[in-house]
Protein backbone atom coordinates (compact mmCIF):
# COMPACT_ATOMS: atom_id res chain seq x y z
CA MET A 1 -23.67 3.57 9.48
CA ARG A 2 -22.43 6.97 8.16
CA LYS A 3 -21.96 8.27 11.70
CA ILE A 4 -19.81 5.02 12.45
CA LEU A 5 -17.60 5.66 9.57
CA LEU A 6 -17.28 9.38 10.26
CA LEU A 7 -16.20 8.66 13.92
CA LEU A 8 -13.78 6.14 12.80
CA ALA A 9 -12.17 8.54 10.46
CA VAL A 10 -12.04 11.45 12.89
CA PHE A 11 -10.54 9.13 15.55
CA LEU A 12 -7.89 7.62 13.19
CA THR A 13 -6.77 11.10 11.76
CA SER A 14 -6.83 13.12 14.98
CA ALA A 15 -3.35 12.44 16.24
CA ALA A 16 -1.80 13.16 12.84
CA LEU A 17 -3.33 16.54 12.39
CA PHE A 18 -1.86 18.09 15.44
CA SER A 19 1.78 16.62 15.14
CA GLN A 20 4.55 19.11 14.38
CA SER A 21 7.16 16.32 14.45
CA THR A 22 9.89 16.16 11.88
CA ILE A 23 9.78 12.35 12.05
CA MET A 24 7.27 10.99 9.63
CA THR A 25 5.92 7.42 9.72
CA THR A 26 4.38 5.76 6.84
CA TRP A 27 3.61 2.31 5.43
CA GLU A 28 2.08 0.40 2.47
CA PHE A 29 -1.13 2.05 2.68
CA GLY A 30 -0.09 5.47 3.81
CA PRO A 31 -0.36 8.11 4.75
CA THR A 32 -4.14 7.49 4.48
CA VAL A 33 -7.09 8.71 6.40
CA TYR A 34 -6.55 5.87 8.74
CA SER A 35 -3.34 7.33 10.10
CA PRO A 36 -1.99 6.72 12.61
CA VAL A 37 -3.74 3.49 13.19
CA ILE A 38 -3.23 0.60 10.92
CA THR A 39 -3.90 -3.07 10.84
CA PHE A 40 -1.90 -6.18 9.81
CA ASN A 41 -3.97 -9.32 9.32
CA GLY A 42 -3.06 -12.85 9.24
CA ALA A 43 -4.31 -16.35 10.39
CA PRO A 44 -3.83 -18.02 13.82
CA GLY A 45 -1.53 -20.69 12.19
CA ASP A 46 0.79 -18.03 10.68
CA MET A 47 4.26 -18.11 12.02
CA GLU A 48 4.35 -14.22 12.30
CA ILE A 49 2.06 -11.28 11.50
CA ILE A 50 4.69 -8.58 10.62
CA SER A 51 4.13 -4.85 10.48
CA HIS A 52 6.51 -2.84 8.27
CA ILE A 53 6.74 0.86 8.88
CA LYS A 54 9.00 3.43 6.98
CA VAL A 55 10.51 6.31 9.08
CA ILE A 56 11.43 9.42 7.37
CA ASN A 57 13.32 12.61 8.49
CA THR A 58 11.44 15.61 7.11
CA GLY A 59 13.41 18.11 9.07
CA ALA A 60 16.54 20.29 8.26
CA ASP A 61 18.77 18.58 10.87
CA SER A 62 19.90 14.99 11.55
CA VAL A 63 18.08 12.96 14.17
CA LYS A 64 19.08 10.11 16.36
CA ILE A 65 15.81 7.98 16.55
CA ARG A 66 14.92 5.17 19.11
CA VAL A 67 11.78 3.28 19.33
CA ALA A 68 9.45 2.80 22.34
CA ARG A 69 6.86 0.12 22.50
CA GLU A 70 3.61 0.20 24.53
CA VAL A 71 1.44 -2.82 24.55
CA ILE A 72 -2.05 -1.68 24.63
CA CYS A 73 -3.74 -5.13 24.75
CA GLN A 74 -2.26 -8.67 23.77
CA VAL A 75 -4.06 -11.84 22.93
CA GLU A 76 -3.22 -14.64 25.38
CA ASN A 77 -0.41 -16.89 24.27
CA THR A 78 0.91 -14.58 21.57
CA ILE A 79 4.43 -13.26 21.47
CA LEU A 80 5.29 -9.61 20.57
CA THR A 81 8.76 -8.52 19.36
CA PHE A 82 10.29 -5.83 17.29
CA CYS A 83 13.43 -4.95 15.28
CA TRP A 84 15.04 -1.57 14.73
CA ALA A 85 18.39 -0.26 13.43
CA ASP A 86 19.78 -3.64 12.65
CA ALA A 87 18.86 -5.37 15.97
CA CYS A 88 15.81 -7.42 17.16
CA PHE A 89 14.74 -7.29 20.78
CA LEU A 90 13.43 -9.87 23.18
CA PRO A 91 9.58 -10.02 24.10
CA GLY A 92 10.05 -7.94 27.20
CA THR A 93 11.87 -4.99 25.73
CA ASP A 94 9.91 -1.98 25.33
CA THR A 95 12.60 0.61 24.26
CA SER A 96 15.27 -0.12 21.63
CA ALA A 97 18.87 -0.27 23.05
CA ASN A 98 20.27 1.41 19.85
CA PHE A 99 19.23 4.11 17.42
CA ALA A 100 19.29 5.00 13.86
CA ILE A 101 20.78 8.30 12.57
CA LEU A 102 18.64 9.85 9.72
CA GLU A 103 20.04 12.76 7.88
CA PRO A 104 17.56 15.36 6.42
CA GLY A 105 15.23 13.77 3.81
CA GLU A 106 16.59 10.33 4.62
CA SER A 107 14.40 7.42 5.22
CA THR A 108 14.60 3.76 6.45
CA ASP A 109 12.71 0.55 6.25
CA GLY A 110 14.64 -0.67 9.16
CA PHE A 111 11.57 -1.21 11.51
CA SER A 112 9.49 -4.22 11.85
CA GLY A 113 6.97 -5.33 14.43
CA HIS A 114 6.28 -9.00 15.00
CA LEU A 115 3.30 -10.91 16.56
CA SER A 116 3.53 -14.86 16.75
CA PRO A 117 -0.08 -15.83 16.99
CA ASN A 118 0.77 -19.43 18.38
CA GLY A 119 -2.75 -20.63 17.18
CA SER A 120 -4.59 -17.73 19.09
CA MET A 121 -7.42 -15.67 17.51
CA GLY A 122 -7.99 -11.97 18.34
CA ILE A 123 -6.72 -8.38 18.00
CA SER A 124 -3.39 -7.28 19.74
CA THR A 125 -2.79 -3.50 19.77
CA VAL A 126 0.66 -1.92 20.15
CA LYS A 127 1.80 1.73 20.10
CA TYR A 128 5.12 2.36 18.57
CA THR A 129 6.84 5.73 19.25
CA PHE A 130 9.73 6.80 17.07
CA PHE A 131 11.44 9.65 19.01
CA ASP A 132 14.50 11.94 18.79
CA MET A 133 16.99 11.03 21.46
CA ASP A 134 18.20 14.69 21.79
CA ASN A 135 14.71 16.18 21.67
CA PRO A 136 11.91 13.69 23.18
CA ASP A 137 9.22 16.23 22.04
CA ASN A 138 10.02 15.37 18.47
CA TYR A 139 8.46 12.06 17.84
CA SER A 140 5.78 10.23 15.64
CA GLU A 141 3.33 7.54 17.06
CA VAL A 142 1.80 4.61 15.18
CA LEU A 143 -0.92 2.40 16.65
CA VAL A 144 -0.81 -1.09 15.23
CA ASN A 145 -3.35 -3.78 15.24
CA TYR A 146 -2.27 -7.35 14.71
CA ASN A 147 -5.49 -9.07 13.73
CA SER A 148 -5.74 -12.92 13.37
CA LEU A 149 -9.51 -12.97 13.35
CA PHE A 150 -9.69 -12.41 9.46
CA SER A 151 -7.65 -11.56 6.49
CA LEU A 152 -7.93 -10.65 2.80
CA SER A 153 -6.36 -11.86 -0.50
CA CYS A 154 -6.62 -11.14 -4.12
CA GLU A 155 -5.34 -13.22 -7.01
CA SER A 156 -6.52 -10.87 -9.74
CA GLY A 157 -3.93 -8.92 -11.67
CA ASP A 158 -0.30 -8.38 -10.76
CA SER A 159 1.18 -8.32 -7.27
CA VAL A 160 2.61 -4.96 -6.23
CA SER A 161 3.19 -5.86 -2.45
CA MET A 162 1.45 -8.08 -0.01
CA ASN A 163 -1.80 -6.18 0.26
CA THR A 164 -1.66 -4.25 -3.16
CA ARG A 165 -2.74 -5.53 -6.63
CA MET A 166 -2.59 -3.97 -10.06
CA LEU A 167 -5.39 -4.84 -12.17
CA ASN A 168 -4.83 -4.29 -16.02
CA GLY A 169 -7.41 -3.93 -18.78
CA ASN A 170 -8.52 -1.86 -21.80
CA VAL A 171 -9.74 1.75 -21.65
CA ASP A 172 -12.96 0.61 -23.42
CA ASP A 173 -13.80 -2.51 -21.26
CA SER A 174 -14.49 -2.84 -17.63
CA ILE A 175 -11.73 -4.08 -15.47
CA HIS A 176 -12.85 -6.75 -12.72
CA GLY A 177 -11.27 -8.39 -9.73
CA VAL A 178 -12.17 -10.31 -6.62
CA ILE A 179 -11.11 -9.84 -3.10
CA LYS A 180 -11.46 -12.88 -0.79
CA VAL A 181 -12.37 -12.60 2.86
CA HIS A 182 -11.01 -15.37 5.07
CA ASN A 183 -12.89 -15.80 8.32
CA HIS A 184 -10.31 -17.69 10.57
CA ALA A 185 -12.66 -17.55 13.68
CA ALA A 186 -15.13 -20.32 14.83
CA ALA A 187 -17.94 -17.75 15.01
CA PRO A 188 -19.66 -15.80 12.22
CA LEU A 189 -17.99 -12.63 10.90
CA ASN A 190 -20.26 -9.55 10.38
CA LEU A 191 -18.63 -6.97 7.99
CA ILE A 192 -19.47 -4.00 5.91
CA ALA A 193 -17.21 -3.04 3.00
CA PHE A 194 -16.42 0.40 1.94
CA LYS A 195 -14.19 2.10 -0.63
CA GLN A 196 -11.99 5.25 -0.46
CA ALA A 197 -10.59 6.87 -3.64
CA VAL A 198 -6.87 7.55 -3.51
CA PHE A 199 -6.70 8.88 -7.11
CA LEU A 200 -9.20 8.61 -9.87
CA MET A 201 -8.82 9.52 -13.53
CA PRO A 202 -11.39 12.05 -14.80
CA ASN A 203 -14.82 10.49 -15.87
CA SER A 204 -13.94 7.04 -14.51
CA THR A 205 -16.53 5.05 -12.55
CA ASN A 206 -16.15 2.25 -10.11
CA TRP A 207 -18.56 -0.03 -8.43
CA PHE A 208 -18.82 -3.41 -6.55
CA PHE A 209 -20.75 -6.27 -5.51
CA PHE A 210 -20.82 -7.87 -2.19
CA ASP A 211 -22.82 -11.08 -1.21
CA GLY A 212 -24.65 -10.76 -4.52
CA VAL A 213 -25.79 -7.01 -4.00
CA GLU A 214 -24.77 -4.46 -6.46
CA TYR A 215 -23.38 -1.11 -4.97
CA ALA A 216 -23.55 1.23 -7.86
CA PHE A 217 -21.09 4.13 -8.67
CA GLY A 218 -21.68 6.78 -5.99
CA THR A 219 -22.43 4.16 -3.19
CA ASP A 220 -19.22 3.77 -1.22
CA THR A 221 -20.48 1.48 1.64
CA SER A 222 -22.23 -1.95 1.57
CA GLY A 223 -24.79 -3.35 3.80
CA LEU A 224 -23.90 -5.95 6.61
CA VAL A 225 -22.62 -9.32 5.26
CA THR A 226 -22.39 -12.33 7.52
CA ILE A 227 -19.42 -14.70 6.70
CA ALA A 228 -19.74 -18.18 8.20
CA PRO A 229 -17.05 -19.45 10.66
CA THR A 230 -13.83 -20.76 9.26
CA THR A 231 -14.82 -20.14 5.72
CA THR A 232 -13.71 -17.91 2.69
CA ASP A 233 -15.92 -15.55 1.16
CA GLU A 234 -15.35 -14.70 -2.60
CA SER A 235 -18.44 -12.69 -3.26
CA PHE A 236 -16.82 -9.30 -3.17
CA GLU A 237 -16.37 -8.14 -6.87
CA MET A 238 -14.97 -4.94 -7.89
CA PHE A 239 -15.30 -3.20 -11.27
CA TYR A 240 -13.75 -0.28 -12.86
CA ASP A 241 -14.61 1.78 -16.14
CA ALA A 242 -12.22 4.21 -17.49
CA ASP A 243 -14.52 5.61 -20.04
CA GLY A 244 -11.69 5.76 -22.71
CA ASN A 245 -9.18 7.55 -20.39
CA GLU A 246 -5.81 6.01 -20.19
CA GLY A 247 -4.11 5.90 -16.85
CA ILE A 248 -4.06 4.30 -13.42
CA SER A 249 -6.89 4.84 -10.76
CA GLN A 250 -6.39 3.78 -7.25
CA MET A 251 -8.93 2.61 -4.49
CA VAL A 252 -8.55 1.40 -0.93
CA TYR A 253 -11.17 -1.02 -0.01
CA VAL A 254 -11.87 -1.49 3.69
CA PHE A 255 -13.64 -4.49 5.41
CA LEU A 256 -14.87 -3.51 8.89
CA ASP A 257 -16.77 -5.07 11.74
CA PRO A 258 -18.99 -2.13 12.68
CA THR A 259 -19.27 -3.22 16.36
CA ASN A 260 -15.63 -3.19 16.76
CA ALA A 261 -13.60 -0.41 14.88
CA GLY A 262 -10.28 -2.30 15.58
CA ASN A 263 -11.51 -5.27 13.60
CA PHE A 264 -10.70 -4.23 10.05
CA ALA A 265 -8.60 -5.00 6.85
CA LEU A 266 -7.48 -3.00 3.82
CA TYR A 267 -6.59 -3.76 0.32
CA TRP A 268 -5.22 -1.32 -2.21
CA ILE A 269 -6.21 -1.93 -5.94
CA HIS A 270 -4.61 0.02 -8.73
CA PHE A 271 -6.75 -0.11 -11.99
CA ASN A 272 -4.52 0.32 -14.97
CA ALA A 273 -6.58 1.14 -18.12
CA GLU A 274 -4.48 0.88 -21.27
CA THR A 275 -5.43 2.16 -24.73
CA THR A 276 -5.47 0.02 -27.82
CA GLY A 277 -3.95 2.88 -29.94
CA ILE A 278 -0.57 1.01 -30.29
CA SER A 279 -0.53 -1.51 -33.13
CA ASN A 280 0.56 -5.18 -32.60
CA TYR A 281 3.41 -4.50 -35.03
CA VAL A 282 4.78 -1.86 -32.59
CA LEU A 283 4.32 -3.73 -29.38
CA ASP A 284 5.88 -6.86 -30.91
CA ASN A 285 9.03 -4.87 -32.17
CA THR A 286 9.41 -2.97 -28.94
CA SER A 287 12.02 -4.00 -26.34
CA PHE A 288 11.91 -2.49 -22.95
CA SER A 289 14.19 -4.18 -20.50
CA ALA A 290 13.45 -4.82 -16.73
CA ALA A 291 14.86 -1.99 -14.54
CA TYR A 292 18.39 -2.52 -13.20
CA PRO A 293 19.55 -2.54 -10.52
CA ASN A 294 16.21 -3.09 -8.93
CA PRO A 295 16.06 -2.29 -5.96
CA ALA A 296 17.81 1.03 -6.88
CA GLU A 297 19.72 3.53 -4.57
CA SER A 298 21.19 6.18 -6.99
CA PHE A 299 20.56 5.27 -10.50
CA VAL A 300 18.22 2.99 -12.45
CA SER A 301 18.63 2.08 -16.03
CA PHE A 302 16.42 0.56 -18.85
CA ASP A 303 17.61 -0.84 -22.06
CA TYR A 304 15.18 -0.14 -25.08
CA GLU A 305 14.56 -0.64 -28.87
CA ILE A 306 11.76 0.98 -30.68
CA PRO A 307 10.65 0.57 -34.40
CA THR A 308 11.08 3.52 -36.80
CA VAL A 309 7.34 3.99 -37.25
CA VAL A 310 7.20 5.45 -33.68
CA SER A 311 7.64 9.28 -33.68
CA ARG A 312 7.88 9.93 -30.09
CA ALA A 313 8.92 7.82 -27.00
CA GLU A 314 8.85 8.76 -23.39
CA ILE A 315 9.80 7.31 -20.02
CA LEU A 316 7.66 8.29 -17.07
CA ILE A 317 8.09 7.43 -13.31
CA THR A 318 5.11 7.78 -11.09
CA ASN A 319 4.84 7.13 -7.30
CA LEU A 320 2.06 5.14 -5.64
CA LEU A 321 -0.40 8.09 -5.72
CA GLY A 322 0.02 8.50 -9.54
CA ALA A 323 2.13 11.58 -9.34
CA VAL A 324 4.73 11.81 -12.17
CA VAL A 325 8.17 12.26 -10.28
CA TYR A 326 10.28 11.88 -13.67
CA GLU A 327 9.74 12.13 -17.34
CA SER A 328 11.94 12.23 -20.29
CA THR A 329 11.82 11.91 -24.13
CA LEU A 330 14.07 9.14 -25.57
CA SER A 331 16.63 10.62 -28.05
CA GLY A 332 17.01 7.48 -30.27
CA LEU A 333 15.35 4.37 -31.38
CA ASN A 334 17.77 2.23 -29.23
CA GLY A 335 20.06 2.64 -26.34
CA THR A 336 20.04 2.83 -22.54
CA GLU A 337 18.30 5.42 -20.44
CA ARG A 338 20.02 5.93 -17.06
CA ILE A 339 17.88 7.72 -14.44
CA ASN A 340 18.95 9.47 -11.18
CA VAL A 341 16.60 8.30 -8.48
CA SER A 342 18.76 9.44 -5.51
CA ASN A 343 16.25 12.36 -4.88
CA LEU A 344 13.27 10.15 -4.50
CA THR A 345 11.96 9.06 -1.23
CA GLY A 346 12.40 5.35 -0.71
CA GLY A 347 9.41 3.14 -1.79
CA ILE A 348 7.57 1.63 -4.72
CA TYR A 349 7.37 3.33 -8.14
CA PHE A 350 6.19 2.57 -11.67
CA ALA A 351 8.17 3.15 -14.72
CA THR A 352 6.02 3.42 -17.98
CA LEU A 353 7.11 3.50 -21.61
CA LYS A 354 4.76 5.65 -23.78
CA LEU A 355 4.90 5.49 -27.45
CA ASP A 356 3.22 8.21 -29.33
CA ASN A 357 1.25 9.20 -26.23
CA HIS A 358 0.09 5.69 -25.68
CA ILE A 359 1.17 3.38 -22.80
CA ALA A 360 3.19 0.51 -24.10
CA THR A 361 4.27 -1.02 -20.92
CA THR A 362 4.57 -0.54 -17.06
CA GLN A 363 6.78 -2.08 -14.44
CA LYS A 364 7.30 -1.84 -10.98
CA ILE A 365 10.64 -0.42 -9.42
CA LEU A 366 11.73 -0.22 -5.86
CA VAL A 367 13.91 2.82 -4.64
CA HIS A 368 15.89 2.29 -1.40
């Protein structure tokens, strides 16, 4: 099994390692070790399975970017289309007629790939190439699997995006959640589950159960689990222990058919361990408004009011990987903090209010 996972990782990362392009592509999970292949899962009865890919110009010059599509394989009766630069194209179109101009450092969420399953089950694979019109050697390729055989869901914690949840808990207790596996096929589904750490707080531990078997900390891959046809399996349970350390750890959980490397699904979990060091009086008398505007382009603001017993108040903004991209100390007990986010790459961020070095609250913001 270890050889299978190693070969999968090598295959999925090889194209990214040798790319010298100034055009970068990323998505909800990425970049991850699964670049440049990603899967988007859904059910045969869904109207569409949609892939959202962000495109970034990392170079020093502006680029005019078009999109080319190559259908590697397509499930019968499904329909494939894509949208780019404010236009959507008919199923038979393989190169966009228009282009998007990205200035240095600029990004766009203007691409989406669409598969209409029309009741069909299987995996369709499409390669999307984002290329510079004036320099075709400057490009980025992404292989996308549209998978209607099985999908994942999670109702634990708070929703960050379609395939990402934040599970909140105490630094002194275990944080727990469940990922459900939905087998849409009329045949049994044989899966292994494994986890990949994106960011872990020091001394924290994480472990999981699958099909009633416990996989202790240090074990990253489960045994083979069979899921009956057209059923939902709820036996995958994940646990996280912060060992008293405040902060957010992140794990990507992968569910994979070891006989078919293209048949997999991913789920991203943020474990948010908060301290009990803030009194109920302080929490009850602290006000921290929702971010506005949200989504934000140039500036984002927060209104706040803090009780006089607090000696130090800070606002931190972190990215999906947990890196701090902004921090400031509030100068008064009440007011408005206006933050310049124009230099941040578009995407999801978290704004955290800390009182006397303890996390009081965290909320999601979206930067365009």
